[in-house]
Structure formats: structure tokens, C-alpha cells
């Protein structure tokens, strides 16, 4: 192709438009190179989602622990908890802990 044919081509004229070139450069800059780029916002959104999941998990754990603390106000429940979790016993009794071996394959 001759240079004149290339310059008169419709696509070349559109692609060499100075306003279009500036617009493309601006969009590229804003999406990838700017300090507030789309990539950084995407990373921050993912981090926010993870933190919200953690918040939901910890709020659930707090409510679970509050329910356990309400049960521990009763002295019988407190004794059951101490026996079950910490293997505590009274002075005149013995505790036997039985561990089962899992079935070997």
C-alpha cells in the first residue's frame, strides 16, 4: 500500500485522531497507573469482603461465648463445665479418662 492510501484509510484516520489517543491514554492511566486505580480499588474491595466475613464470624463466636457464660452462672453448670473441659474433680473421687484408638485401615 502506498502512504497516501494508508493515510486516507478510514480506520487509520479514526485511530490517529488526537482526541481519541488522549482519551485512550487517560483511560489506561486511570485504570492501571493512577494511585486510585481500578486494580487498587479491586484489592481493597476484596480485603473489605474478607474483613466483613471475619467480623461476622467473631460476632457469632461472641454470641456463642455469651450463651456459655450465661449458663456458667449456675453452680451446677459451672461444675459440669470444669469437669468436662479441665478434668477437675472433688477431693474424694477419682477420674478415669478413656481414650479410644481409631480403627486402623
Protein backbone atom coordinates (compact mmCIF):
# COMPACT_ATOMS: atom_id res chain seq x y z
CA UNK A 1 0.00 0.00 0.00
CA UNK A 2 1.11 3.45 -0.70
CA UNK A 3 1.41 6.06 2.01
CA UNK A 4 -1.45 8.08 0.55
CA UNK A 5 -3.76 5.06 0.68
CA UNK A 6 -2.81 4.39 4.31
CA UNK A 7 -3.44 7.98 5.30
CA UNK A 8 -6.82 8.02 3.57
CA UNK A 9 -7.92 4.74 5.17
CA UNK A 10 -10.98 5.21 7.42
CA UNK A 11 -9.57 3.19 10.35
CA UNK A 12 -6.25 4.99 10.30
CA UNK A 13 -7.98 8.35 10.44
CA UNK A 14 -10.08 7.24 13.42
CA UNK A 15 -7.09 5.67 15.24
CA UNK A 16 -4.89 8.70 14.67
CA UNK A 17 -7.45 11.17 16.00
CA UNK A 18 -5.69 13.16 18.69
CA UNK A 19 -8.76 13.26 20.94
CA UNK A 20 -9.18 9.51 20.75
CA UNK A 21 -5.49 8.97 21.54
CA UNK A 22 -5.70 11.26 24.57
CA UNK A 23 -8.88 9.51 25.72
CA UNK A 24 -7.26 6.07 25.43
CA UNK A 25 -4.16 7.25 27.29
CA UNK A 26 -6.34 8.79 30.02
CA UNK A 27 -8.43 5.63 30.46
CA UNK A 28 -5.28 3.48 30.59
CA UNK A 29 -3.76 5.81 33.18
CA UNK A 30 -6.88 5.81 35.36
CA UNK A 31 -7.39 2.04 35.18
CA UNK A 32 -3.84 0.86 35.79
CA UNK A 33 -1.30 3.55 36.72
CA UNK A 34 -3.06 6.02 39.00
CA UNK A 35 -2.81 5.76 42.79
CA UNK A 36 -6.60 5.32 42.87
CA UNK A 37 -6.66 2.83 40.01
CA UNK A 38 -9.24 0.18 39.40
CA UNK A 39 -6.77 -2.53 40.44
CA UNK A 40 -6.19 -0.95 43.85
CA UNK A 41 -9.92 -0.49 44.38
CA UNK A 42 -10.46 -4.15 43.49
CA UNK A 43 -7.85 -5.26 46.04
CA UNK A 44 -9.42 -3.04 48.68
CA UNK A 45 -12.89 -4.41 47.94
CA UNK A 46 -11.60 -7.97 48.35
CA UNK A 47 -9.98 -7.01 51.65
CA UNK A 48 -13.23 -5.40 52.84
CA UNK A 49 -15.12 -8.59 51.99
CA UNK A 50 -12.63 -10.67 53.98
CA UNK A 51 -12.88 -8.32 56.95
CA UNK A 52 -16.68 -8.45 56.86
CA UNK A 53 -16.54 -12.26 56.89
CA UNK A 54 -14.19 -12.12 59.88
CA UNK A 55 -16.50 -9.68 61.64
CA UNK A 56 -19.49 -11.97 61.10
CA UNK A 57 -17.50 -14.96 62.40
CA UNK A 58 -16.31 -13.15 65.52
CA UNK A 59 -19.77 -11.75 66.29
CA UNK A 60 -21.11 -15.29 66.07
CA UNK A 61 -18.37 -16.51 68.40
CA UNK A 62 -19.10 -13.68 70.86
CA UNK A 63 -22.78 -14.58 70.99
CA UNK A 64 -21.85 -18.25 71.47
CA UNK A 65 -19.49 -17.38 74.33
CA UNK A 66 -22.09 -15.12 75.94
CA UNK A 67 -24.54 -18.04 75.94
CA UNK A 68 -21.91 -20.23 77.61
CA UNK A 69 -21.23 -17.52 80.22
CA UNK A 70 -24.95 -17.24 80.99
CA UNK A 71 -25.03 -21.00 81.60
CA UNK A 72 -21.98 -20.78 83.87
CA UNK A 73 -23.83 -18.51 86.31
CA UNK A 74 -25.48 -21.66 87.63
CA UNK A 75 -23.14 -23.53 90.01
CA UNK A 76 -24.12 -26.97 88.66
CA UNK A 77 -23.38 -25.91 85.10
CA UNK A 78 -20.08 -24.42 86.25
CA UNK A 79 -19.13 -27.72 87.86
CA UNK A 80 -20.08 -29.67 84.72
CA UNK A 81 -18.01 -27.32 82.60
CA UNK A 82 -14.97 -27.62 84.88
CA UNK A 83 -15.23 -31.41 84.90
CA UNK A 84 -15.69 -31.69 81.15
CA UNK A 85 -13.13 -29.12 79.96
CA UNK A 86 -10.45 -29.15 82.65
CA UNK A 87 -10.87 -32.64 84.15
CA UNK A 88 -11.36 -31.21 87.63
CA UNK A 89 -12.60 -33.43 90.43
CA UNK A 90 -13.69 -33.34 94.01
CA UNK A 91 -11.24 -34.31 96.77
CA UNK A 92 -12.69 -37.75 97.43
CA UNK A 93 -13.17 -39.06 93.89
CA UNK A 94 -11.05 -40.43 91.07
CA UNK A 95 -11.40 -39.75 87.38
CA UNK A 96 -10.59 -42.26 84.64
CA UNK A 97 -10.04 -40.89 81.15
CA UNK A 98 -10.66 -43.46 78.46
CA UNK A 99 -9.14 -42.81 75.05
CA UNK A 100 -10.24 -44.90 72.11
CA UNK A 101 -7.90 -45.79 69.28
CA UNK A 102 -9.34 -45.07 65.89
CA UNK A 103 -9.79 -48.04 63.59
CA UNK A 104 -6.67 -48.53 61.51
CA UNK A 105 -7.12 -49.24 57.85
